[in-house]
PDB file of N, CA and C in Angstrom:
ATOM      1  N   MET A   1     123.670  80.918  69.364  1.00  0.00           N
ATOM      2  CA  MET A   1     124.168  81.625  70.527  1.00  0.00           C
ATOM      3  C   MET A   1     123.078  82.534  71.129  1.00  0.00           C
ATOM      4  N   GLU A   2     122.371  83.218  70.233  1.00  0.00           N
ATOM      5  CA  GLU A   2     121.316  84.113  70.728  1.00  0.00           C
ATOM      6  C   GLU A   2     120.220  83.323  71.439  1.00  0.00           C
ATOM      7  N   PHE A   3     119.903  82.154  70.897  1.00  0.00           N
ATOM      8  CA  PHE A   3     118.860  81.319  71.475  1.00  0.00           C
ATOM      9  C   PHE A   3     119.219  80.900  72.895  1.00  0.00           C
ATOM     10  N   ILE A   4     120.470  80.559  73.123  1.00  0.00           N
ATOM     11  CA  ILE A   4     120.933  80.154  74.456  1.00  0.00           C
ATOM     12  C   ILE A   4     120.860  81.332  75.415  1.00  0.00           C
ATOM     13  N   LEU A   5     121.300  82.497  74.963  1.00  0.00           N
ATOM     14  CA  LEU A   5     121.244  83.690  75.822  1.00  0.00           C
ATOM     15  C   LEU A   5     119.793  84.050  76.148  1.00  0.00           C
ATOM     16  N   TRP A   6     118.918  83.938  75.157  1.00  0.00           N
ATOM     17  CA  TRP A   6     117.506  84.251  75.386  1.00  0.00           C
ATOM     18  C   TRP A   6     116.897  83.281  76.407  1.00  0.00           C
ATOM     19  N   GLY A   7     117.247  82.004  76.321  1.00  0.00           N
ATOM     20  CA  GLY A   7     116.749  81.012  77.265  1.00  0.00           C
ATOM     21  C   GLY A   7     117.224  81.287  78.679  1.00  0.00           C
ATOM     22  N   VAL A   8     118.485  81.691  78.828  1.00  0.00           N
ATOM     23  CA  VAL A   8     119.022  82.029  80.150  1.00  0.00           C
ATOM     24  C   VAL A   8     118.323  83.278  80.681  1.00  0.00           C
ATOM     25  N   PHE A   9     118.116  84.270  79.816  1.00  0.00           N
ATOM     26  CA  PHE A   9     117.447  85.510  80.214  1.00  0.00           C
ATOM     27  C   PHE A   9     116.026  85.221  80.694  1.00  0.00           C
ATOM     28  N   ARG A  10     115.296  84.345  79.956  1.00  0.00           N
ATOM     29  CA  ARG A  10     113.924  84.022  80.325  1.00  0.00           C
ATOM     30  C   ARG A  10     113.848  83.249  81.633  1.00  0.00           C
ATOM     31  N   SER A  11     114.844  82.426  81.915  1.00  0.00           N
ATOM     32  CA  SER A  11     114.814  81.672  83.166  1.00  0.00           C
ATOM     33  C   SER A  11     115.103  82.571  84.364  1.00  0.00           C
ATOM     34  N   VAL A  12     115.893  83.616  84.156  1.00  0.00           N
ATOM     35  CA  VAL A  12     116.217  84.546  85.244  1.00  0.00           C
ATOM     36  C   VAL A  12     115.089  85.554  85.445  1.00  0.00           C
ATOM     37  N   PHE A  13     114.495  86.025  84.348  1.00  0.00           N
ATOM     38  CA  PHE A  13     113.414  87.009  84.399  1.00  0.00           C
ATOM     39  C   PHE A  13     112.166  86.428  83.733  1.00  0.00           C
ATOM     40  N   PRO A  14     111.355  85.673  84.471  1.00  0.00           N
ATOM     41  CA  PRO A  14     110.173  85.057  83.859  1.00  0.00           C
ATOM     42  C   PRO A  14     109.138  86.112  83.482  1.00  0.00           C
ATOM     43  N   ARG A  15     108.198  85.700  82.632  1.00  0.00           N
ATOM     44  CA  ARG A  15     107.139  86.611  82.202  1.00  0.00           C
ATOM     45  C   ARG A  15     106.268  87.009  83.382  1.00  0.00           C
ATOM     46  N   LYS A  16     105.708  88.183  83.276  1.00  0.00           N
ATOM     47  CA  LYS A  16     104.818  88.692  84.311  1.00  0.00           C
ATOM     48  C   LYS A  16     103.492  87.934  84.257  1.00  0.00           C
ATOM     49  N   THR A  17     103.004  87.478  85.394  1.00  0.00           N
ATOM     50  CA  THR A  17     101.714  86.798  85.424  1.00  0.00           C
ATOM     51  C   THR A  17     100.609  87.824  85.644  1.00  0.00           C
ATOM     52  N   TYR A  18      99.454  87.515  85.139  1.00  0.00           N
ATOM     53  CA  TYR A  18      98.310  88.411  85.284  1.00  0.00           C
ATOM     54  C   TYR A  18      97.255  87.794  86.190  1.00  0.00           C
ATOM     55  N   ARG A  19      97.688  86.969  87.124  1.00  0.00           N
ATOM     56  CA  ARG A  19      96.756  86.278  88.006  1.00  0.00           C
ATOM     57  C   ARG A  19      95.983  87.267  88.881  1.00  0.00           C
ATOM     58  N   ASN A  20      96.634  88.278  89.401  1.00  0.00           N
ATOM     59  CA  ASN A  20      95.975  89.232  90.293  1.00  0.00           C
ATOM     60  C   ASN A  20      95.707  90.559  89.591  1.00  0.00           C
ATOM     61  N   ASN A  21      95.531  90.517  88.299  1.00  0.00           N
ATOM     62  CA  ASN A  21      95.309  91.709  87.518  1.00  0.00           C
ATOM     63  C   ASN A  21      93.835  92.130  87.601  1.00  0.00           C
ATOM     64  N   TYR A  22      93.592  93.429  87.692  1.00  0.00           N
ATOM     65  CA  TYR A  22      92.232  93.960  87.795  1.00  0.00           C
ATOM     66  C   TYR A  22      91.402  93.581  86.577  1.00  0.00           C
ATOM     67  N   ARG A  23      92.018  93.576  85.405  1.00  0.00           N
ATOM     68  CA  ARG A  23      91.293  93.278  84.167  1.00  0.00           C
ATOM     69  C   ARG A  23      90.774  91.852  84.121  1.00  0.00           C
ATOM     70  N   THR A  24      91.425  90.933  84.804  1.00  0.00           N
ATOM     71  CA  THR A  24      91.022  89.531  84.747  1.00  0.00           C
ATOM     72  C   THR A  24      89.921  89.185  85.748  1.00  0.00           C
ATOM     73  N   LEU A  25      89.557  90.100  86.627  1.00  0.00           N
ATOM     74  CA  LEU A  25      88.525  89.840  87.629  1.00  0.00           C
ATOM     75  C   LEU A  25      87.142  89.836  86.991  1.00  0.00           C
ATOM     76  N   SER A  26      86.216  89.136  87.612  1.00  0.00           N
ATOM     77  CA  SER A  26      84.826  89.188  87.153  1.00  0.00           C
ATOM     78  C   SER A  26      84.221  90.530  87.570  1.00  0.00           C
ATOM     79  N   ASP A  27      83.047  90.827  87.047  1.00  0.00           N
ATOM     80  CA  ASP A  27      82.409  92.117  87.352  1.00  0.00           C
ATOM     81  C   ASP A  27      82.112  92.263  88.844  1.00  0.00           C
ATOM     82  N   MET A  28      81.619  91.197  89.474  1.00  0.00           N
ATOM     83  CA  MET A  28      81.314  91.263  90.907  1.00  0.00           C
ATOM     84  C   MET A  28      82.598  91.459  91.719  1.00  0.00           C
ATOM     85  N   GLU A  29      83.673  90.802  91.324  1.00  0.00           N
ATOM     86  CA  GLU A  29      84.947  90.966  92.032  1.00  0.00           C
ATOM     87  C   GLU A  29      85.484  92.375  91.865  1.00  0.00           C
ATOM     88  N   LYS A  30      85.270  92.978  90.683  1.00  0.00           N
ATOM     89  CA  LYS A  30      85.699  94.367  90.464  1.00  0.00           C
ATOM     90  C   LYS A  30      84.937  95.319  91.382  1.00  0.00           C
ATOM     91  N   VAL A  31      83.630  95.088  91.513  1.00  0.00           N
ATOM     92  CA  VAL A  31      82.813  95.964  92.367  1.00  0.00           C
ATOM     93  C   VAL A  31      83.239  95.817  93.827  1.00  0.00           C
ATOM     94  N   THR A  32      83.484  94.593  94.282  1.00  0.00           N
ATOM     95  CA  THR A  32      83.928  94.418  95.670  1.00  0.00           C
ATOM     96  C   THR A  32      85.310  95.023  95.875  1.00  0.00           C
ATOM     97  N   TYR A  33      86.185  94.927  94.874  1.00  0.00           N
ATOM     98  CA  TYR A  33      87.498  95.565  94.955  1.00  0.00           C
ATOM     99  C   TYR A  33      87.362  97.081  95.084  1.00  0.00           C
ATOM    100  N   LEU A  34      86.493  97.657  94.246  1.00  0.00           N
ATOM    101  CA  LEU A  34      86.285  99.105  94.300  1.00  0.00           C
ATOM    102  C   LEU A  34      85.664  99.537  95.622  1.00  0.00           C
ATOM    103  N   GLU A  35      84.765  98.715  96.173  1.00  0.00           N
ATOM    104  CA  GLU A  35      84.148  99.040  97.468  1.00  0.00           C
ATOM    105  C   GLU A  35      85.203  99.030  98.578  1.00  0.00           C
ATOM    106  N   ARG A  36      86.070  98.030  98.569  1.00  0.00           N
ATOM    107  CA  ARG A  36      87.136  97.999  99.583  1.00  0.00           C
ATOM    108  C   ARG A  36      88.063  99.197  99.421  1.00  0.00           C
ATOM    109  N   ARG A  37      88.345  99.566  98.174  1.00  0.00           N
ATOM    110  CA  ARG A  37      89.195 100.728  97.917  1.00  0.00           C
ATOM    111  C   ARG A  37      88.538 102.010  98.414  1.00  0.00           C
ATOM    112  N   ARG A  38      87.204 102.115  98.182  1.00  0.00           N
ATOM    113  CA  ARG A  38      86.457 103.295  98.634  1.00  0.00           C
ATOM    114  C   ARG A  38      86.527 103.427 100.157  1.00  0.00           C
ATOM    115  N   GLN A  39      86.348 102.309 100.856  1.00  0.00           N
ATOM    116  CA  GLN A  39      86.388 102.346 102.312  1.00  0.00           C
ATOM    117  C   GLN A  39      87.795 102.693 102.812  1.00  0.00           C
ATOM    118  N   PHE A  40      88.804 102.126 102.179  1.00  0.00           N
ATOM    119  CA  PHE A  40      90.183 102.379 102.600  1.00  0.00           C
ATOM    120  C   PHE A  40      90.569 103.840 102.400  1.00  0.00           C
ATOM    121  N   LYS A  41      90.176 104.414 101.253  1.00  0.00           N
ATOM    122  CA  LYS A  41      90.531 105.800 100.944  1.00  0.00           C
ATOM    123  C   LYS A  41      89.638 106.811 101.659  1.00  0.00           C
ATOM    124  N   GLY A  42      88.487 106.348 102.171  1.00  0.00           N
ATOM    125  CA  GLY A  42      87.590 107.259 102.875  1.00  0.00           C
ATOM    126  C   GLY A  42      86.676 108.054 101.964  1.00  0.00           C
ATOM    127  N   TYR A  43      86.424 107.536 100.763  1.00  0.00           N
ATOM    128  CA  TYR A  43      85.530 108.230  99.834  1.00  0.00           C
ATOM    129  C   TYR A  43      84.081 108.039 100.255  1.00  0.00           C
ATOM    130  N   LYS A  44      83.212 108.943  99.757  1.00  0.00           N
ATOM    131  CA  LYS A  44      81.783 108.829 100.037  1.00  0.00           C
ATOM    132  C   LYS A  44      81.179 107.680  99.232  1.00  0.00           C
ATOM    133  N   LYS A  45      79.972 107.231  99.639  1.00  0.00           N
ATOM    134  CA  LYS A  45      79.341 106.092  98.985  1.00  0.00           C
ATOM    135  C   LYS A  45      79.001 106.362  97.524  1.00  0.00           C
ATOM    136  N   GLY A  46      78.732 107.600  97.181  1.00  0.00           N
ATOM    137  CA  GLY A  46      78.412 107.937  95.797  1.00  0.00           C
ATOM    138  C   GLY A  46      79.570 107.721  94.841  1.00  0.00           C
ATOM    139  N   TRP A  47      80.785 107.726  95.368  1.00  0.00           N
ATOM    140  CA  TRP A  47      81.971 107.513  94.530  1.00  0.00           C
ATOM    141  C   TRP A  47      81.899 106.171  93.840  1.00  0.00           C
ATOM    142  N   LEU A  48      81.478 105.144  94.554  1.00  0.00           N
ATOM    143  CA  LEU A  48      81.418 103.796  93.995  1.00  0.00           C
ATOM    144  C   LEU A  48      80.420 103.723  92.843  1.00  0.00           C
ATOM    145  N   TYR A  49      79.280 104.362  92.993  1.00  0.00           N
ATOM    146  CA  TYR A  49      78.273 104.353  91.927  1.00  0.00           C
ATOM    147  C   TYR A  49      78.838 104.968  90.656  1.00  0.00           C
ATOM    148  N   PHE A  50      79.435 106.139  90.775  1.00  0.00           N
ATOM    149  CA  PHE A  50      79.938 106.820  89.588  1.00  0.00           C
ATOM    150  C   PHE A  50      81.146 106.102  88.998  1.00  0.00           C
ATOM    151  N   ARG A  51      81.959 105.488  89.827  1.00  0.00           N
ATOM    152  CA  ARG A  51      83.094 104.708  89.316  1.00  0.00           C
ATOM    153  C   ARG A  51      82.608 103.473  88.554  1.00  0.00           C
ATOM    154  N   CYS A  52      81.577 102.814  89.083  1.00  0.00           N
ATOM    155  CA  CYS A  52      81.005 101.660  88.386  1.00  0.00           C
ATOM    156  C   CYS A  52      80.343 102.093  87.081  1.00  0.00           C
ATOM    157  N   LYS A  53      79.749 103.264  87.085  1.00  0.00           N
ATOM    158  CA  LYS A  53      79.120 103.789  85.876  1.00  0.00           C
ATOM    159  C   LYS A  53      80.181 104.040  84.808  1.00  0.00           C
ATOM    160  N   GLU A  54      81.322 104.599  85.196  1.00  0.00           N
ATOM    161  CA  GLU A  54      82.417 104.853  84.259  1.00  0.00           C
ATOM    162  C   GLU A  54      82.947 103.560  83.649  1.00  0.00           C
ATOM    163  N   GLU A  55      83.025 102.508  84.452  1.00  0.00           N
ATOM    164  CA  GLU A  55      83.625 101.258  84.006  1.00  0.00           C
ATOM    165  C   GLU A  55      82.613 100.276  83.425  1.00  0.00           C
ATOM    166  N   GLY A  56      81.342 100.646  83.387  1.00  0.00           N
ATOM    167  CA  GLY A  56      80.320  99.771  82.824  1.00  0.00           C
ATOM    168  C   GLY A  56      79.958  98.617  83.740  1.00  0.00           C
ATOM    169  N   LEU A  57      79.996  98.853  85.041  1.00  0.00           N
ATOM    170  CA  LEU A  57      79.728  97.807  86.023  1.00  0.00           C
ATOM    171  C   LEU A  57      78.431  98.034  86.793  1.00  0.00           C
ATOM    172  N   LEU A  58      77.533  98.848  86.252  1.00  0.00           N
ATOM    173  CA  LEU A  58      76.316  99.187  86.994  1.00  0.00           C
ATOM    174  C   LEU A  58      75.437  97.968  87.260  1.00  0.00           C
ATOM    175  N   LYS A  59      75.390  97.042  86.328  1.00  0.00           N
ATOM    176  CA  LYS A  59      74.563  95.847  86.521  1.00  0.00           C
ATOM    177  C   LYS A  59      75.076  95.046  87.719  1.00  0.00           C
ATOM    178  N   ALA A  60      76.381  94.845  87.797  1.00  0.00           N
ATOM    179  CA  ALA A  60      76.978  94.109  88.922  1.00  0.00           C
ATOM    180  C   ALA A  60      76.820  94.909  90.217  1.00  0.00           C
ATOM    181  N   TYR A  61      76.936  96.237  90.134  1.00  0.00           N
ATOM    182  CA  TYR A  61      76.775  97.106  91.304  1.00  0.00           C
ATOM    183  C   TYR A  61      75.373  96.942  91.887  1.00  0.00           C
ATOM    184  N   LYS A  62      74.363  96.980  91.021  1.00  0.00           N
ATOM    185  CA  LYS A  62      72.977  96.857  91.487  1.00  0.00           C
ATOM    186  C   LYS A  62      72.703  95.483  92.067  1.00  0.00           C
ATOM    187  N   GLN A  63      73.254  94.439  91.436  1.00  0.00           N
ATOM    188  CA  GLN A  63      73.078  93.079  91.958  1.00  0.00           C
ATOM    189  C   GLN A  63      73.713  92.945  93.332  1.00  0.00           C
ATOM    190  N   MET A  64      74.892  93.503  93.480  1.00  0.00           N
ATOM    191  CA  MET A  64      75.619  93.375  94.744  1.00  0.00           C
ATOM    192  C   MET A  64      74.864  94.056  95.879  1.00  0.00           C
ATOM    193  N   PHE A  65      74.399  95.267  95.638  1.00  0.00           N
ATOM    194  CA  PHE A  65      73.737  95.993  96.717  1.00  0.00           C
ATOM    195  C   PHE A  65      72.302  95.536  96.915  1.00  0.00           C
ATOM    196  N   LYS A  66      71.715  94.891  95.942  1.00  0.00           N
ATOM    197  CA  LYS A  66      70.408  94.283  96.140  1.00  0.00           C
ATOM    198  C   LYS A  66      70.546  93.107  97.104  1.00  0.00           C
ATOM    199  N   LYS A  67      71.605  92.304  96.917  1.00  0.00           N
ATOM    200  CA  LYS A  67      71.858  91.182  97.812  1.00  0.00           C
ATOM    201  C   LYS A  67      72.152  91.662  99.221  1.00  0.00           C
ATOM    202  N   GLU A  68      72.953  92.726  99.330  1.00  0.00           N
ATOM    203  CA  GLU A  68      73.301  93.253 100.651  1.00  0.00           C
ATOM    204  C   GLU A  68      72.089  93.835 101.351  1.00  0.00           C
ATOM    205  N   SER A  69      71.205  94.489 100.611  1.00  0.00           N
ATOM    206  CA  SER A  69      70.015  95.069 101.240  1.00  0.00           C
ATOM    207  C   SER A  69      69.087  93.969 101.738  1.00  0.00           C
ATOM    208  N   ILE A  70      68.987  92.872 100.988  1.00  0.00           N
ATOM    209  CA  ILE A  70      68.166  91.742 101.431  1.00  0.00           C
ATOM    210  C   ILE A  70      68.751  91.129 102.702  1.00  0.00           C
ATOM    211  N   LYS A  71      70.074  90.983 102.748  1.00  0.00           N
ATOM    212  CA  LYS A  71      70.722  90.433 103.936  1.00  0.00           C
ATOM    213  C   LYS A  71      70.521  91.334 105.144  1.00  0.00           C
ATOM    214  N   SER A  72      70.601  92.649 104.945  1.00  0.00           N
ATOM    215  CA  SER A  72      70.423  93.558 106.075  1.00  0.00           C
ATOM    216  C   SER A  72      68.978  93.534 106.577  1.00  0.00           C
ATOM    217  N   ILE A  73      68.006  93.384 105.673  1.00  0.00           N
ATOM    218  CA  ILE A  73      66.601  93.302 106.080  1.00  0.00           C
ATOM    219  C   ILE A  73      66.367  92.027 106.885  1.00  0.00           C
ATOM    220  N   GLU A  74      66.947  90.897 106.419  1.00  0.00           N
ATOM    221  CA  GLU A  74      66.801  89.643 107.133  1.00  0.00           C
ATOM    222  C   GLU A  74      67.471  89.704 108.511  1.00  0.00           C
ATOM    223  N   ALA A  75      68.601  90.390 108.585  1.00  0.00           N
ATOM    224  CA  ALA A  75      69.297  90.522 109.870  1.00  0.00           C
ATOM    225  C   ALA A  75      68.476  91.343 110.854  1.00  0.00           C
ATOM    226  N   LYS A  76      67.799  92.372 110.362  1.00  0.00           N
ATOM    227  CA  LYS A  76      66.957  93.192 111.219  1.00  0.00           C
ATOM    228  C   LYS A  76      65.744  92.420 111.726  1.00  0.00           C
ATOM    229  N   LYS A  77      65.206  91.538 110.863  1.00  0.00           N
ATOM    230  CA  LYS A  77      64.066  90.724 111.271  1.00  0.00           C
ATOM    231  C   LYS A  77      64.455  89.741 112.381  1.00  0.00           C
ATOM    232  N   ASN A  78      65.675  89.222 112.292  1.00  0.00           N
ATOM    233  CA  ASN A  78      66.135  88.223 113.266  1.00  0.00           C
ATOM    234  C   ASN A  78      66.494  88.842 114.612  1.00  0.00           C
ATOM    235  N   GLU A  79      66.691  90.138 114.662  1.00  0.00           N
ATOM    236  CA  GLU A  79      67.086  90.776 115.938  1.00  0.00           C
ATOM    237  C   GLU A  79      65.969  90.908 116.908  1.00  0.00           C
TER     238      GLU A  79
END
């Protein structure tokens, strides 16, 4: 009897998925998420650096902004 009730309960209330969970994101996705959050909340640029430092994402942070700086330099050359 309990097994049947448990099966009905599970079909009505399925397990929570972790597809969009922050923990499951890659390091680069976490940094881009934090950057979007920083812009939305209106925080200063230094906030992202210290937040990445707290979470151990400095390597991804440096890679991301190195790529962006190269893109901005190339864009300036093309203008």
